[in-house]
């Protein structure tokens, strides 16, 4: 039997997105590093005690254009995601400018429902309403500026 995961999101307000994020910024994608991951998952089958799973882990390196929330001591930040839409991952084209709501997590990518922890990293998803900067409404940017106290 195959494992199927699908993305399902609840629309949140700009305020809810901002409060739920650890890092909010506009940035330009300057580098994309794709990692092909292979993992083994325990099963209940005594003859096949492990199932092999392949998945993507993509690191998007952003040059921060404007920081609205978060504590970053560099002009660059890496955001990790699966790159797939069906599993709520984002994919950002190189040189694109994005409005990013990111959060810190220690759950391995594509390991939902597991308790296996990793070193904390920044991630985002389609559910966070991260999007291309040119698709971000002016009222959303104004609201973020008010929430952050930055103009």
N, C-alpha and C. Protein backbone atom coordinates (compact mmCIF):
# COMPACT_ATOMS: atom_id res chain seq x y z
N UNK A 1 0.84 -1.18 0.00
CA UNK A 1 0.00 0.00 0.00
C UNK A 1 0.89 1.25 0.00
N UNK A 2 0.55 2.23 -0.81
CA UNK A 2 1.31 3.48 -0.88
C UNK A 2 0.78 4.48 0.12
N UNK A 3 1.70 5.29 0.59
CA UNK A 3 1.34 6.36 1.52
C UNK A 3 1.03 7.61 0.70
N UNK A 4 -0.12 8.21 0.91
CA UNK A 4 -0.51 9.40 0.17
C UNK A 4 -0.71 10.55 1.14
N UNK A 5 -0.10 11.68 0.82
CA UNK A 5 -0.26 12.88 1.63
C UNK A 5 -0.75 13.99 0.72
N UNK A 6 -1.63 14.78 1.20
CA UNK A 6 -2.10 15.92 0.41
C UNK A 6 -2.12 17.15 1.29
N UNK A 7 -1.96 18.29 0.65
CA UNK A 7 -1.93 19.54 1.37
C UNK A 7 -3.35 20.08 1.55
N UNK A 8 -3.67 20.47 2.74
CA UNK A 8 -4.95 21.08 3.04
C UNK A 8 -4.70 22.21 4.02
N UNK A 9 -5.09 23.42 3.62
CA UNK A 9 -4.79 24.60 4.43
C UNK A 9 -6.06 25.35 4.80
N UNK A 10 -6.01 26.00 5.92
CA UNK A 10 -7.06 26.92 6.33
C UNK A 10 -6.55 28.33 6.10
N UNK A 11 -7.33 29.15 5.44
CA UNK A 11 -6.92 30.52 5.17
C UNK A 11 -6.86 31.29 6.48
N UNK A 12 -5.74 31.97 6.68
CA UNK A 12 -5.55 32.76 7.89
C UNK A 12 -5.45 34.22 7.50
N UNK A 13 -5.69 35.07 8.47
CA UNK A 13 -5.56 36.50 8.25
C UNK A 13 -4.08 36.88 8.22
N UNK A 14 -3.78 38.07 7.74
CA UNK A 14 -2.41 38.57 7.72
C UNK A 14 -1.86 38.59 9.15
N UNK A 15 -2.67 39.04 10.10
CA UNK A 15 -2.24 39.10 11.50
C UNK A 15 -1.91 37.70 12.03
N UNK A 16 -2.76 36.71 11.73
CA UNK A 16 -2.50 35.34 12.18
C UNK A 16 -1.21 34.79 11.56
N UNK A 17 -1.01 35.05 10.27
CA UNK A 17 0.22 34.61 9.61
C UNK A 17 1.44 35.24 10.25
N UNK A 18 1.37 36.54 10.51
CA UNK A 18 2.48 37.26 11.11
C UNK A 18 2.79 36.73 12.50
N UNK A 19 1.76 36.58 13.33
CA UNK A 19 1.97 36.11 14.71
C UNK A 19 2.49 34.68 14.75
N UNK A 20 2.08 33.84 13.77
CA UNK A 20 2.51 32.44 13.74
C UNK A 20 3.89 32.22 13.16
N UNK A 21 4.45 33.25 12.56
CA UNK A 21 5.76 33.11 11.91
C UNK A 21 6.89 33.53 12.86
N UNK A 22 8.04 32.89 12.68
CA UNK A 22 9.24 33.28 13.43
C UNK A 22 10.06 34.28 12.64
N UNK A 23 9.87 34.28 11.32
CA UNK A 23 10.65 35.12 10.42
C UNK A 23 9.74 35.56 9.28
N UNK A 24 9.63 36.88 9.08
CA UNK A 24 8.83 37.44 7.99
C UNK A 24 9.73 38.42 7.25
N UNK A 25 9.83 38.22 5.93
CA UNK A 25 10.71 39.08 5.15
C UNK A 25 10.35 39.05 3.67
N UNK A 26 10.85 40.03 2.96
CA UNK A 26 10.86 39.95 1.51
C UNK A 26 12.29 39.62 1.13
N UNK A 27 12.44 38.76 0.13
CA UNK A 27 13.77 38.34 -0.26
C UNK A 27 13.84 37.86 -1.68
N UNK A 28 15.06 37.79 -2.18
CA UNK A 28 15.31 37.32 -3.53
C UNK A 28 16.08 36.01 -3.46
N UNK A 29 15.61 35.01 -4.22
CA UNK A 29 16.27 33.71 -4.24
C UNK A 29 17.58 33.83 -5.01
N UNK A 30 18.69 33.55 -4.31
CA UNK A 30 20.01 33.67 -4.94
C UNK A 30 20.67 32.32 -5.19
N UNK A 31 20.15 31.27 -4.56
CA UNK A 31 20.73 29.94 -4.76
C UNK A 31 19.70 28.88 -4.41
N UNK A 32 19.71 27.79 -5.18
CA UNK A 32 18.83 26.65 -4.92
C UNK A 32 19.71 25.41 -4.85
N UNK A 33 19.62 24.70 -3.73
CA UNK A 33 20.39 23.47 -3.56
C UNK A 33 19.40 22.34 -3.31
N UNK A 34 19.35 21.38 -4.24
CA UNK A 34 18.43 20.25 -4.11
C UNK A 34 19.16 19.05 -3.52
N UNK A 35 18.57 18.51 -2.47
CA UNK A 35 19.13 17.33 -1.82
C UNK A 35 18.13 16.19 -2.04
N UNK A 36 18.58 15.09 -2.61
CA UNK A 36 17.76 13.90 -2.76
C UNK A 36 17.99 13.05 -1.50
N UNK A 37 16.94 12.84 -0.75
CA UNK A 37 17.07 12.13 0.52
C UNK A 37 16.49 10.72 0.41
N UNK A 38 17.13 9.80 1.10
CA UNK A 38 16.64 8.43 1.21
C UNK A 38 16.54 8.12 2.69
N UNK A 39 15.43 7.51 3.06
CA UNK A 39 15.18 7.24 4.47
C UNK A 39 14.58 5.86 4.61
N UNK A 40 14.75 5.25 5.75
CA UNK A 40 14.08 3.97 6.03
C UNK A 40 13.09 4.20 7.16
N UNK A 41 11.92 3.61 6.98
CA UNK A 41 10.84 3.78 7.94
C UNK A 41 10.47 2.41 8.49
N UNK A 42 10.39 2.26 9.80
CA UNK A 42 9.99 0.96 10.36
C UNK A 42 8.55 0.60 9.94
N UNK A 43 8.31 -0.68 9.71
CA UNK A 43 6.97 -1.16 9.37
C UNK A 43 6.55 -2.21 10.40
N UNK A 44 5.32 -2.67 10.29
CA UNK A 44 4.83 -3.74 11.15
C UNK A 44 5.06 -5.11 10.52
N UNK A 45 5.63 -5.16 9.34
CA UNK A 45 5.86 -6.40 8.59
C UNK A 45 7.18 -7.03 9.04
N UNK A 46 7.10 -8.25 9.60
CA UNK A 46 8.31 -8.91 10.09
C UNK A 46 9.26 -9.29 8.97
N UNK A 47 8.72 -9.58 7.76
CA UNK A 47 9.56 -9.96 6.63
C UNK A 47 10.25 -8.75 6.01
N UNK A 48 9.60 -7.60 6.07
CA UNK A 48 10.18 -6.35 5.57
C UNK A 48 10.06 -5.30 6.67
N UNK A 49 10.99 -5.33 7.63
CA UNK A 49 10.87 -4.45 8.80
C UNK A 49 11.06 -2.96 8.50
N UNK A 50 11.60 -2.65 7.28
CA UNK A 50 11.79 -1.25 6.92
C UNK A 50 11.29 -1.01 5.51
N UNK A 51 10.75 0.17 5.31
CA UNK A 51 10.32 0.63 3.98
C UNK A 51 11.26 1.77 3.59
N UNK A 52 11.75 1.73 2.36
CA UNK A 52 12.64 2.78 1.86
C UNK A 52 11.79 3.88 1.23
N UNK A 53 12.12 5.12 1.56
CA UNK A 53 11.37 6.27 1.04
C UNK A 53 12.36 7.30 0.50
N UNK A 54 12.04 7.84 -0.68
CA UNK A 54 12.85 8.89 -1.29
C UNK A 54 12.05 10.18 -1.27
N UNK A 55 12.73 11.29 -1.01
CA UNK A 55 12.05 12.59 -1.02
C UNK A 55 13.07 13.70 -1.25
N UNK A 56 12.54 14.86 -1.59
CA UNK A 56 13.37 16.04 -1.84
C UNK A 56 13.46 16.90 -0.59
N UNK A 57 14.62 17.47 -0.42
CA UNK A 57 14.81 18.51 0.58
C UNK A 57 15.53 19.62 -0.16
N UNK A 58 14.87 20.75 -0.32
CA UNK A 58 15.44 21.83 -1.11
C UNK A 58 15.75 23.02 -0.21
N UNK A 59 16.98 23.50 -0.35
CA UNK A 59 17.42 24.69 0.38
C UNK A 59 17.35 25.88 -0.58
N UNK A 60 16.56 26.86 -0.21
CA UNK A 60 16.47 28.10 -0.98
C UNK A 60 17.21 29.17 -0.19
N UNK A 61 18.28 29.67 -0.76
CA UNK A 61 19.04 30.73 -0.09
C UNK A 61 18.50 32.07 -0.59
N UNK A 62 18.05 32.89 0.36
CA UNK A 62 17.47 34.20 0.07
C UNK A 62 18.41 35.32 0.49
N UNK A 63 18.46 36.34 -0.31
CA UNK A 63 19.04 37.61 0.13
C UNK A 63 17.86 38.40 0.69
N UNK A 64 17.96 38.79 1.95
CA UNK A 64 16.86 39.52 2.59
C UNK A 64 16.83 40.95 2.06
N UNK A 65 15.67 41.33 1.53
CA UNK A 65 15.48 42.69 1.04
C UNK A 65 14.92 43.58 2.13
N UNK A 66 13.96 43.04 2.89
CA UNK A 66 13.38 43.79 4.01
C UNK A 66 12.92 42.79 5.07
N UNK A 67 13.39 42.97 6.29
CA UNK A 67 13.06 42.09 7.40
C UNK A 67 11.95 42.73 8.23
N UNK A 68 10.86 42.01 8.41
CA UNK A 68 9.72 42.51 9.19
C UNK A 68 9.65 41.88 10.58
N UNK A 69 10.11 40.64 10.68
CA UNK A 69 10.06 39.95 11.97
C UNK A 69 11.17 38.90 11.99
N UNK A 70 11.83 38.78 13.12
CA UNK A 70 12.85 37.76 13.28
C UNK A 70 14.19 38.35 13.65
N UNK A 71 15.08 37.47 14.05
CA UNK A 71 16.40 37.88 14.50
C UNK A 71 17.44 37.21 13.62
N UNK A 72 17.83 37.89 12.56
CA UNK A 72 18.82 37.37 11.62
C UNK A 72 20.02 38.31 11.63
N UNK A 73 21.20 37.75 11.78
CA UNK A 73 22.40 38.59 11.81
C UNK A 73 23.18 38.52 10.49
N UNK A 74 22.49 38.20 9.43
CA UNK A 74 23.10 38.11 8.12
C UNK A 74 22.13 38.67 7.09
N UNK A 75 22.63 39.03 5.93
CA UNK A 75 21.72 39.50 4.88
C UNK A 75 21.18 38.32 4.07
N UNK A 76 21.60 37.09 4.43
CA UNK A 76 21.14 35.88 3.74
C UNK A 76 20.52 34.92 4.75
N UNK A 77 19.54 34.15 4.29
CA UNK A 77 18.92 33.13 5.13
C UNK A 77 18.54 31.95 4.23
N UNK A 78 18.66 30.75 4.78
CA UNK A 78 18.24 29.55 4.05
C UNK A 78 16.90 29.08 4.57
N UNK A 79 16.01 28.80 3.64
CA UNK A 79 14.69 28.26 3.95
C UNK A 79 14.62 26.87 3.31
N UNK A 80 14.24 25.87 4.08
CA UNK A 80 14.17 24.50 3.58
C UNK A 80 12.71 24.09 3.40
N UNK A 81 12.43 23.44 2.28
CA UNK A 81 11.10 22.94 2.01
C UNK A 81 11.22 21.76 1.06
N UNK A 82 10.12 21.08 0.79
CA UNK A 82 10.16 19.91 -0.09
C UNK A 82 10.08 20.28 -1.56
N UNK A 83 9.61 21.48 -1.85
CA UNK A 83 9.50 21.90 -3.24
C UNK A 83 8.24 21.42 -3.93
N UNK A 84 7.42 20.63 -3.25
CA UNK A 84 6.22 20.09 -3.87
C UNK A 84 4.97 20.77 -3.37
N UNK A 85 4.01 20.94 -4.23
CA UNK A 85 2.74 21.57 -3.85
C UNK A 85 1.84 20.59 -3.12
N UNK A 86 1.80 19.33 -3.56
CA UNK A 86 0.88 18.35 -2.99
C UNK A 86 1.13 18.12 -1.50
N UNK A 87 2.39 18.30 -1.05
CA UNK A 87 2.70 18.09 0.36
C UNK A 87 2.92 19.43 1.08
N UNK A 88 2.39 20.49 0.52
CA UNK A 88 2.43 21.83 1.09
C UNK A 88 3.80 22.51 0.98
N UNK A 89 4.72 21.92 0.25
CA UNK A 89 6.03 22.53 0.05
C UNK A 89 5.98 23.65 -0.97
N UNK A 90 6.94 24.53 -0.91
CA UNK A 90 7.05 25.64 -1.87
C UNK A 90 8.20 25.37 -2.82
N UNK A 91 8.11 25.97 -3.99
CA UNK A 91 9.25 26.01 -4.90
C UNK A 91 9.38 27.44 -5.38
N UNK A 92 10.58 28.00 -5.26
CA UNK A 92 10.83 29.39 -5.63
C UNK A 92 11.84 29.44 -6.77
N UNK A 93 11.51 30.05 -7.89
CA UNK A 93 12.47 30.16 -9.00
C UNK A 93 13.67 31.03 -8.61
N UNK A 94 14.81 30.72 -9.19
CA UNK A 94 16.01 31.50 -8.94
C UNK A 94 15.77 32.95 -9.35
N UNK A 95 16.29 33.88 -8.60
CA UNK A 95 16.17 35.33 -8.79
C UNK A 95 14.77 35.89 -8.53
N UNK A 96 13.81 35.04 -8.21
CA UNK A 96 12.46 35.55 -7.92
C UNK A 96 12.46 36.28 -6.58
N UNK A 97 11.56 37.24 -6.45
CA UNK A 97 11.39 37.97 -5.20
C UNK A 97 10.13 37.44 -4.53
N UNK A 98 10.25 37.12 -3.26
CA UNK A 98 9.17 36.47 -2.52
C UNK A 98 8.86 37.23 -1.23
N UNK A 99 7.60 37.13 -0.80
CA UNK A 99 7.17 37.59 0.51
C UNK A 99 7.04 36.32 1.35
N UNK A 100 7.91 36.16 2.34
CA UNK A 100 8.05 34.88 3.04
C UNK A 100 7.60 34.98 4.50
N UNK A 101 6.71 34.06 4.88
CA UNK A 101 6.37 33.80 6.27
C UNK A 101 7.06 32.47 6.59
N UNK A 102 8.02 32.48 7.50
CA UNK A 102 8.77 31.28 7.81
C UNK A 102 8.67 30.95 9.29
N UNK A 103 8.92 29.70 9.60
CA UNK A 103 8.87 29.26 11.00
C UNK A 103 10.05 28.33 11.26
N UNK A 104 10.43 28.25 12.51
CA UNK A 104 11.49 27.35 12.93
C UNK A 104 10.85 26.01 13.30
N UNK A 105 11.43 24.94 12.80
CA UNK A 105 10.94 23.61 13.15
C UNK A 105 12.12 22.68 13.37
N UNK A 106 11.87 21.61 14.10
CA UNK A 106 12.90 20.59 14.28
C UNK A 106 12.38 19.22 13.84
N UNK A 107 11.29 19.24 13.06
CA UNK A 107 10.73 18.01 12.50
C UNK A 107 11.34 17.82 11.12
N UNK A 108 11.80 16.62 10.83
CA UNK A 108 12.40 16.38 9.52
C UNK A 108 11.37 16.62 8.43
N UNK A 109 11.84 17.19 7.33
CA UNK A 109 10.96 17.40 6.18
C UNK A 109 10.38 16.07 5.73
N UNK A 110 9.11 16.09 5.36
CA UNK A 110 8.41 14.91 4.86
C UNK A 110 8.32 13.82 5.92
N UNK A 111 8.34 14.18 7.17
CA UNK A 111 8.29 13.21 8.26
C UNK A 111 7.14 13.54 9.20
N UNK A 112 6.02 13.93 8.65
CA UNK A 112 4.88 14.35 9.44
C UNK A 112 4.37 13.20 10.28
N UNK A 113 4.04 13.50 11.51
CA UNK A 113 3.53 12.48 12.41
C UNK A 113 4.63 11.69 13.10
N UNK A 114 5.85 12.05 12.85
CA UNK A 114 6.98 11.34 13.46
C UNK A 114 7.51 12.16 14.63
N UNK A 115 8.19 11.49 15.52
CA UNK A 115 8.80 12.22 16.64
C UNK A 115 10.31 12.33 16.47
N UNK A 116 10.84 11.99 15.27
CA UNK A 116 12.28 12.10 15.03
C UNK A 116 12.63 13.58 14.84
N UNK A 117 13.53 14.06 15.66
CA UNK A 117 13.90 15.47 15.64
C UNK A 117 15.27 15.67 14.98
N UNK A 118 15.45 16.87 14.44
CA UNK A 118 16.71 17.27 13.81
C UNK A 118 17.09 18.66 14.32
N UNK A 119 18.26 19.13 13.91
CA UNK A 119 18.69 20.48 14.27
C UNK A 119 17.66 21.48 13.72
N UNK A 120 17.19 22.43 14.51
CA UNK A 120 16.17 23.38 14.05
C UNK A 120 16.60 24.14 12.79
N UNK A 121 15.63 24.39 11.92
CA UNK A 121 15.87 25.09 10.67
C UNK A 121 14.62 25.91 10.32
N UNK A 122 14.79 26.86 9.39
CA UNK A 122 13.66 27.64 8.91
C UNK A 122 12.99 26.91 7.76
N UNK A 123 11.67 26.90 7.78
CA UNK A 123 10.89 26.29 6.71
C UNK A 123 9.70 27.19 6.40
N UNK A 124 8.98 26.85 5.38
CA UNK A 124 7.75 27.53 5.03
C UNK A 124 6.88 26.55 4.27
N UNK A 125 5.65 26.92 4.03
CA UNK A 125 4.75 26.04 3.28
C UNK A 125 3.74 26.90 2.52
N UNK A 126 3.03 26.25 1.64
CA UNK A 126 1.99 26.97 0.91
C UNK A 126 0.90 27.44 1.88
N UNK A 127 0.75 26.77 2.98
CA UNK A 127 -0.27 27.15 3.97
C UNK A 127 0.09 28.46 4.68
N UNK A 128 1.36 28.83 4.68
CA UNK A 128 1.76 30.07 5.34
C UNK A 128 1.44 31.30 4.49
N UNK A 129 0.98 31.07 3.28
CA UNK A 129 0.65 32.14 2.34
C UNK A 129 1.87 32.91 1.87
N UNK A 130 3.03 32.26 1.92
CA UNK A 130 4.23 32.79 1.27
C UNK A 130 3.95 32.86 -0.21
N UNK A 131 4.37 33.94 -0.85
CA UNK A 131 4.06 34.11 -2.27
C UNK A 131 5.03 35.06 -2.94
N UNK A 132 4.94 35.12 -4.27
CA UNK A 132 5.77 36.07 -5.01
C UNK A 132 5.46 37.48 -4.54
N UNK A 133 6.47 38.29 -4.42
CA UNK A 133 6.30 39.65 -3.93
C UNK A 133 5.33 40.43 -4.82
N UNK A 134 5.42 40.24 -6.13
CA UNK A 134 4.53 40.97 -7.02
C UNK A 134 3.07 40.54 -6.89
N UNK A 135 2.80 39.40 -6.26
CA UNK A 135 1.42 38.95 -6.03
C UNK A 135 0.91 39.33 -4.63
N UNK A 136 1.77 39.96 -3.85
CA UNK A 136 1.39 40.38 -2.51
C UNK A 136 0.62 41.70 -2.60
N UNK A 137 -0.56 41.73 -2.02
CA UNK A 137 -1.39 42.94 -2.07
C UNK A 137 -0.79 44.05 -1.21
N UNK A 138 -0.95 45.25 -1.68
CA UNK A 138 -0.42 46.44 -0.98
C UNK A 138 -0.97 46.54 0.45
N UNK A 139 -2.24 46.20 0.63
CA UNK A 139 -2.84 46.27 1.97
C UNK A 139 -2.19 45.26 2.92
N UNK A 140 -1.76 44.09 2.38
CA UNK A 140 -1.07 43.10 3.22
C UNK A 140 0.28 43.65 3.68
N UNK A 141 1.01 44.28 2.77
CA UNK A 141 2.30 44.87 3.13
C UNK A 141 2.11 45.97 4.16
N UNK A 142 1.08 46.82 3.98
CA UNK A 142 0.81 47.89 4.95
C UNK A 142 0.48 47.30 6.33
N UNK A 143 -0.31 46.23 6.34
CA UNK A 143 -0.67 45.61 7.62
C UNK A 143 0.57 45.00 8.29
N UNK A 144 1.44 44.37 7.50
CA UNK A 144 2.68 43.81 8.05
C UNK A 144 3.57 44.92 8.59
N UNK A 145 3.65 46.04 7.87
CA UNK A 145 4.44 47.18 8.36
C UNK A 145 3.91 47.68 9.70
N UNK A 146 2.58 47.74 9.86
CA UNK A 146 1.99 48.19 11.12
C UNK A 146 2.29 47.19 12.24
N UNK A 147 2.14 45.89 11.95
CA UNK A 147 2.38 44.85 12.95
C UNK A 147 3.84 44.83 13.39
N UNK A 148 4.75 45.09 12.45
CA UNK A 148 6.17 45.02 12.76
C UNK A 148 6.75 46.32 13.28
N UNK A 149 6.03 47.42 13.03
CA UNK A 149 6.54 48.74 13.42
C UNK A 149 7.64 49.23 12.47
N UNK A 150 7.76 48.58 11.31
CA UNK A 150 8.78 48.94 10.32
C UNK A 150 8.08 49.50 9.07
N UNK A 151 8.63 50.56 8.53
CA UNK A 151 8.07 51.13 7.29
C UNK A 151 9.08 51.07 6.20
